[in-house]
Amino acid sequence: MGLTMKERKSVVSEIAKRYKKASKKCHPPC
C-alpha cells in the first residue's frame, strides 16, 4: 500500500499516541 509522507506521519503519530497510553497502563512494556 502506497502512503504519502503526510499519511505516513499521521499514522505514525496515531500509533505513538496509542503506545503512550498503553505504556502508562503497563510499565515496563509488556
Protein backbone atom coordinates (compact mmCIF):
# COMPACT_ATOMS: atom_id res chain seq x y z
CA MET A 1 0.00 0.00 0.00
CA GLY A 2 1.48 3.31 -1.08
CA LEU A 3 1.22 6.06 1.51
CA THR A 4 2.22 9.68 1.06
CA MET A 5 4.55 11.26 3.62
CA LYS A 6 1.66 13.16 5.23
CA GLU A 7 -0.43 9.99 5.60
CA ARG A 8 2.52 8.07 6.97
CA LYS A 9 3.28 10.78 9.55
CA SER A 10 -0.34 10.90 10.70
CA VAL A 11 -0.45 7.11 11.03
CA VAL A 12 2.83 7.09 12.97
CA SER A 13 1.59 9.81 15.32
CA GLU A 14 -1.65 7.88 15.93
CA ILE A 15 0.31 4.74 16.81
CA ALA A 16 2.60 6.78 19.06
CA LYS A 17 -0.40 8.19 20.94
CA ARG A 18 -1.84 4.71 21.47
CA TYR A 19 1.55 3.37 22.53
CA LYS A 20 1.97 6.16 25.10
CA LYS A 21 -1.48 5.41 26.56
CA ALA A 22 -0.70 1.70 26.72
CA SER A 23 2.74 2.28 28.26
CA LYS A 24 1.14 4.28 31.07
CA LYS A 25 -1.07 1.30 31.95
CA CYS A 26 1.73 -1.26 31.99
CA HIS A 27 5.26 -0.04 32.62
CA PRO A 28 7.76 -1.53 31.79
CA PRO A 29 6.39 -2.53 28.34
CA CYS A 30 4.67 -5.90 28.30
